[in-house]
C-alpha atoms as a PDB file:
ATOM      1  CA  MET A   1      35.006  -0.046  75.094  1.00  0.00           C
ATOM      2  CA  PHE A   2      38.172   0.634  73.048  1.00  0.00           C
ATOM      3  CA  ASN A   3      40.368   3.697  73.245  1.00  0.00           C
ATOM      4  CA  ALA A   4      42.136   5.171  70.213  1.00  0.00           C
ATOM      5  CA  GLU A   5      45.486   3.518  71.029  1.00  0.00           C
ATOM      6  CA  GLN A   6      43.879   0.083  71.304  1.00  0.00           C
ATOM      7  CA  LEU A   7      42.117   0.541  67.960  1.00  0.00           C
ATOM      8  CA  GLN A   8      45.400   1.598  66.335  1.00  0.00           C
ATOM      9  CA  GLN A   9      47.136  -1.423  67.820  1.00  0.00           C
ATOM     10  CA  LEU A  10      44.426  -3.754  66.518  1.00  0.00           C
ATOM     11  CA  PHE A  11      44.538  -2.068  63.109  1.00  0.00           C
ATOM     12  CA  ARG A  12      48.323  -2.561  62.915  1.00  0.00           C
ATOM     13  CA  TYR A  13      47.788  -6.200  63.851  1.00  0.00           C
ATOM     14  CA  GLY A  14      45.271  -6.549  61.020  1.00  0.00           C
ATOM     15  CA  CYS A  15      47.723  -4.899  58.609  1.00  0.00           C
ATOM     16  CA  ALA A  16      50.418  -7.342  59.667  1.00  0.00           C
ATOM     17  CA  LEU A  17      48.172 -10.260  58.812  1.00  0.00           C
ATOM     18  CA  THR A  18      46.634  -8.976  55.601  1.00  0.00           C
ATOM     19  CA  ARG A  19      49.302  -6.686  54.107  1.00  0.00           C
ATOM     20  CA  ASP A  20      46.403  -4.457  53.028  1.00  0.00           C
ATOM     21  CA  GLU A  21      44.938  -1.471  54.873  1.00  0.00           C
ATOM     22  CA  SER A  22      41.390  -1.842  53.554  1.00  0.00           C
ATOM     23  CA  GLN A  23      41.265  -5.507  54.533  1.00  0.00           C
ATOM     24  CA  ALA A  24      42.694  -4.603  57.940  1.00  0.00           C
ATOM     25  CA  HIS A  25      39.934  -1.987  58.378  1.00  0.00           C
ATOM     26  CA  ASP A  26      37.324  -4.615  57.470  1.00  0.00           C
ATOM     27  CA  LEU A  27      38.776  -7.129  59.933  1.00  0.00           C
ATOM     28  CA  LEU A  28      38.869  -4.514  62.686  1.00  0.00           C
ATOM     29  CA  GLN A  29      35.289  -3.445  62.037  1.00  0.00           C
ATOM     30  CA  ASP A  30      34.080  -7.062  62.088  1.00  0.00           C
ATOM     31  CA  ALA A  31      35.961  -7.728  65.310  1.00  0.00           C
ATOM     32  CA  VAL A  32      34.612  -4.623  67.070  1.00  0.00           C
ATOM     33  CA  GLU A  33      31.076  -5.494  65.978  1.00  0.00           C
ATOM     34  CA  SER A  34      31.531  -9.013  67.344  1.00  0.00           C
ATOM     35  CA  CYS A  35      32.814  -7.633  70.645  1.00  0.00           C
ATOM     36  CA  LEU A  36      29.803  -5.348  70.907  1.00  0.00           C
ATOM     37  CA  ARG A  37      27.411  -8.226  70.188  1.00  0.00           C
ATOM     38  CA  GLN A  38      29.162 -10.691  72.484  1.00  0.00           C
ATOM     39  CA  PRO A  39      31.694  -9.048  74.822  1.00  0.00           C
ATOM     40  CA  PRO A  40      34.447 -11.120  76.436  1.00  0.00           C
ATOM     41  CA  THR A  41      33.750 -12.595  79.839  1.00  0.00           C
ATOM     42  CA  SER A  42      36.610 -10.632  81.377  1.00  0.00           C
ATOM     43  CA  PRO A  43      37.195  -6.952  80.538  1.00  0.00           C
ATOM     44  CA  SER A  44      40.933  -7.505  80.972  1.00  0.00           C
ATOM     45  CA  ALA A  45      40.876 -10.011  78.105  1.00  0.00           C
ATOM     46  CA  LEU A  46      39.361  -7.548  75.608  1.00  0.00           C
ATOM     47  CA  MET A  47      42.491  -7.066  73.489  1.00  0.00           C
ATOM     48  CA  SER A  48      43.452 -10.737  73.252  1.00  0.00           C
ATOM     49  CA  TYR A  49      39.811 -11.652  72.585  1.00  0.00           C
ATOM     50  CA  THR A  50      39.639  -9.097  69.772  1.00  0.00           C
ATOM     51  CA  ARG A  51      42.972 -10.229  68.279  1.00  0.00           C
ATOM     52  CA  THR A  52      41.634 -13.782  68.270  1.00  0.00           C
ATOM     53  CA  ILE A  53      38.539 -12.635  66.392  1.00  0.00           C
ATOM     54  CA  ILE A  54      40.707 -10.759  63.869  1.00  0.00           C
ATOM     55  CA  ARG A  55      42.963 -13.794  63.360  1.00  0.00           C
ATOM     56  CA  ASN A  56      40.006 -16.162  62.927  1.00  0.00           C
ATOM     57  CA  ARG A  57      38.283 -13.823  60.461  1.00  0.00           C
ATOM     58  CA  PHE A  58      41.544 -13.498  58.536  1.00  0.00           C
ATOM     59  CA  ILE A  59      41.853 -17.295  58.328  1.00  0.00           C
ATOM     60  CA  ASP A  60      38.219 -17.593  57.218  1.00  0.00           C
ATOM     61  CA  ASN A  61      38.698 -14.901  54.559  1.00  0.00           C
ATOM     62  CA  THR A  62      41.904 -16.527  53.292  1.00  0.00           C
ATOM     63  CA  ARG A  63      40.204 -19.880  52.957  1.00  0.00           C
ATOM     64  CA  HIS A  64      37.265 -18.269  51.169  1.00  0.00           C
ATOM     65  CA  GLN A  65      39.588 -16.475  48.734  1.00  0.00           C
ATOM     66  CA  GLN A  66      41.408 -19.729  48.009  1.00  0.00           C
ATOM     67  CA  ARG A  67      38.127 -21.437  47.155  1.00  0.00           C
ATOM     68  CA  PHE A  68      36.702 -18.495  45.210  1.00  0.00           C
ATOM     69  CA  PRO A  69      39.585 -16.413  43.810  1.00  0.00           C
ATOM     70  CA  GLN A  70      38.851 -12.869  42.644  1.00  0.00           C
ATOM     71  CA  ASP A  71      40.841 -10.335  40.679  1.00  0.00           C
ATOM     72  CA  THR A  72      41.477  -7.135  42.603  1.00  0.00           C
ATOM     73  CA  LEU A  73      42.122  -3.699  41.178  1.00  0.00           C
ATOM     74  CA  ASP A  74      44.863  -1.524  42.635  1.00  0.00           C
ATOM     75  CA  ASP A  75      43.726   1.747  44.163  1.00  0.00           C
ATOM     76  CA  GLU A  76      45.189   4.903  42.694  1.00  0.00           C
ATOM     77  CA  GLN A  77      48.188   6.214  44.582  1.00  0.00           C
ATOM     78  CA  ILE A  78      47.682   9.532  46.344  1.00  0.00           C
ATOM     79  CA  ALA A  79      50.159  12.202  45.325  1.00  0.00           C
ATOM     80  CA  ILE A  80      52.424  13.327  48.153  1.00  0.00           C
ATOM     81  CA  ASP A  81      53.785  16.849  48.100  1.00  0.00           C
ATOM     82  CA  MET A  82      57.371  16.434  49.328  1.00  0.00           C
ATOM     83  CA  ASP A  83      60.924  16.310  48.144  1.00  0.00           C
ATOM     84  CA  VAL A  84      61.338  13.854  45.242  1.00  0.00           C
ATOM     85  CA  ARG A  85      64.415  12.319  46.850  1.00  0.00           C
ATOM     86  CA  MET A  86      62.514  11.564  50.064  1.00  0.00           C
ATOM     87  CA  LEU A  87      59.674  10.081  48.063  1.00  0.00           C
ATOM     88  CA  GLU A  88      62.073   7.827  46.163  1.00  0.00           C
ATOM     89  CA  ASP A  89      63.636   6.646  49.431  1.00  0.00           C
ATOM     90  CA  ILE A  90      60.214   5.892  50.875  1.00  0.00           C
ATOM     91  CA  ILE A  91      59.183   3.962  47.776  1.00  0.00           C
ATOM     92  CA  ILE A  92      62.408   1.975  47.728  1.00  0.00           C
ATOM     93  CA  GLU A  93      62.095   1.093  51.428  1.00  0.00           C
ATOM     94  CA  GLN A  94      58.432   0.170  50.979  1.00  0.00           C
ATOM     95  CA  ALA A  95      59.277  -2.064  48.011  1.00  0.00           C
ATOM     96  CA  GLU A  96      62.016  -3.786  50.020  1.00  0.00           C
ATOM     97  CA  LEU A  97      59.627  -4.382  52.913  1.00  0.00           C
ATOM     98  CA  ASP A  98      56.929  -5.654  50.552  1.00  0.00           C
ATOM     99  CA  ASN A  99      59.408  -8.092  49.005  1.00  0.00           C
ATOM    100  CA  LEU A 100      60.427  -9.364  52.443  1.00  0.00           C
ATOM    101  CA  TRP A 101      56.834  -9.482  53.740  1.00  0.00           C
ATOM    102  CA  VAL A 102      55.824 -11.748  50.834  1.00  0.00           C
ATOM    103  CA  LEU A 103      58.402 -14.301  51.975  1.00  0.00           C
ATOM    104  CA  LEU A 104      56.526 -14.774  55.249  1.00  0.00           C
ATOM    105  CA  ASP A 105      53.396 -16.815  55.780  1.00  0.00           C
ATOM    106  CA  PRO A 106      50.559 -15.381  57.937  1.00  0.00           C
ATOM    107  CA  LEU A 107      51.721 -17.169  61.096  1.00  0.00           C
ATOM    108  CA  GLU A 108      55.250 -15.797  60.674  1.00  0.00           C
ATOM    109  CA  ARG A 109      53.892 -12.291  60.025  1.00  0.00           C
ATOM    110  CA  GLU A 110      51.759 -12.550  63.150  1.00  0.00           C
ATOM    111  CA  ILE A 111      54.678 -13.654  65.326  1.00  0.00           C
ATOM    112  CA  LEU A 112      56.959 -11.001  63.849  1.00  0.00           C
ATOM    113  CA  PHE A 113      54.316  -8.325  64.357  1.00  0.00           C
ATOM    114  CA  LEU A 114      53.683  -9.244  67.986  1.00  0.00           C
ATOM    115  CA  TRP A 115      57.385  -9.511  68.760  1.00  0.00           C
ATOM    116  CA  ALA A 116      58.937  -6.653  66.755  1.00  0.00           C
ATOM    117  CA  VAL A 117      56.125  -4.103  66.519  1.00  0.00           C
ATOM    118  CA  GLU A 118      54.012  -4.644  69.625  1.00  0.00           C
ATOM    119  CA  GLU A 119      57.092  -5.689  71.640  1.00  0.00           C
ATOM    120  CA  TYR A 120      55.435  -8.603  73.378  1.00  0.00           C
ATOM    121  CA  SER A 121      57.716 -11.030  75.145  1.00  0.00           C
ATOM    122  CA  THR A 122      58.061 -14.531  73.765  1.00  0.00           C
ATOM    123  CA  THR A 123      56.193 -15.807  76.813  1.00  0.00           C
ATOM    124  CA  GLU A 124      53.267 -13.467  76.114  1.00  0.00           C
ATOM    125  CA  ILE A 125      53.199 -14.465  72.436  1.00  0.00           C
ATOM    126  CA  ALA A 126      53.309 -18.160  73.319  1.00  0.00           C
ATOM    127  CA  SER A 127      50.471 -17.741  75.798  1.00  0.00           C
ATOM    128  CA  GLN A 128      48.340 -15.770  73.367  1.00  0.00           C
ATOM    129  CA  MET A 129      48.887 -18.162  70.458  1.00  0.00           C
ATOM    130  CA  GLY A 130      48.661 -21.354  72.506  1.00  0.00           C
ATOM    131  CA  MET A 131      52.149 -22.531  71.513  1.00  0.00           C
ATOM    132  CA  PRO A 132      55.168 -23.531  73.594  1.00  0.00           C
ATOM    133  CA  ARG A 133      57.604 -20.689  74.284  1.00  0.00           C
ATOM    134  CA  GLY A 134      60.432 -22.702  72.690  1.00  0.00           C
ATOM    135  CA  THR A 135      58.477 -22.877  69.433  1.00  0.00           C
ATOM    136  CA  ILE A 136      58.080 -19.099  69.406  1.00  0.00           C
ATOM    137  CA  LEU A 137      61.786 -18.627  70.160  1.00  0.00           C
ATOM    138  CA  SER A 138      62.820 -20.941  67.337  1.00  0.00           C
ATOM    139  CA  ARG A 139      60.421 -19.279  64.881  1.00  0.00           C
ATOM    140  CA  ILE A 140      61.778 -15.835  65.766  1.00  0.00           C
ATOM    141  CA  TYR A 141      65.329 -17.124  65.354  1.00  0.00           C
ATOM    142  CA  ARG A 142      64.531 -18.571  61.911  1.00  0.00           C
ATOM    143  CA  LEU A 143      62.682 -15.380  60.900  1.00  0.00           C
ATOM    144  CA  ARG A 144      65.615 -13.196  61.912  1.00  0.00           C
ATOM    145  CA  LYS A 145      68.049 -15.458  60.078  1.00  0.00           C
ATOM    146  CA  ARG A 146      65.934 -15.471  56.902  1.00  0.00           C
ATOM    147  CA  LEU A 147      65.457 -11.693  56.964  1.00  0.00           C
ATOM    148  CA  GLN A 148      69.170 -11.153  57.550  1.00  0.00           C
ATOM    149  CA  GLU A 149      69.910 -13.283  54.506  1.00  0.00           C
ATOM    150  CA  HIS A 150      67.736 -10.899  52.500  1.00  0.00           C
ATOM    151  CA  GLY A 151      69.541  -7.830  53.800  1.00  0.00           C
ATOM    152  CA  LYS A 152      67.321  -6.703  56.661  1.00  0.00           C
ATOM    153  CA  ASP A 153      68.629  -6.917  60.206  1.00  0.00           C
ATOM    154  CA  LEU A 154      66.222  -6.998  63.128  1.00  0.00           C
ATOM    155  CA  SER A 155      67.883  -5.491  66.134  1.00  0.00           C
ATOM    156  CA  THR A 156      68.551  -7.941  68.896  1.00  0.00           C
ATOM    157  CA  GLY A 157      65.863  -7.699  71.503  1.00  0.00           C
ATOM    158  CA  SER A 158      66.078  -8.827  75.077  1.00  0.00           C
ATOM    159  CA  ARG A 159      62.339  -9.479  75.423  1.00  0.00           C
ATOM    160  CA  GLN A 160      62.092 -12.858  77.070  1.00  0.00           C
END
């Protein structure tokens, strides 16, 4: 049903929404199980159907967590055997990205993920999310402007 590249793409999508790998794995597993139980009517719509399931499960989980908050424990960091300087650079970059990612709401993270990571055109994003293309364009413009103000520059893309 899914090949490895599609599963990786869906996992990255889940990570973009949740900012947490374990939650992204859970969302992906739930979505694949749902697809196996009730496959989409068109095989060509498998990826968009699965992304919709992931997004809806994420929204449901977020609402549930808001109603019933829980304290989470951080997992222990795995030691990486590499040059200390490289490790420091990675940690600094990760911290910068985490700080920027927190500024975005889930809808903004989703749009940014689809546009910058998956390289969908604004027309494809608008179609998938059920929004006008102009809305997507303006959201991307505002996202780029806000991220540039915080020191990160998204390269100009020509994906229309």
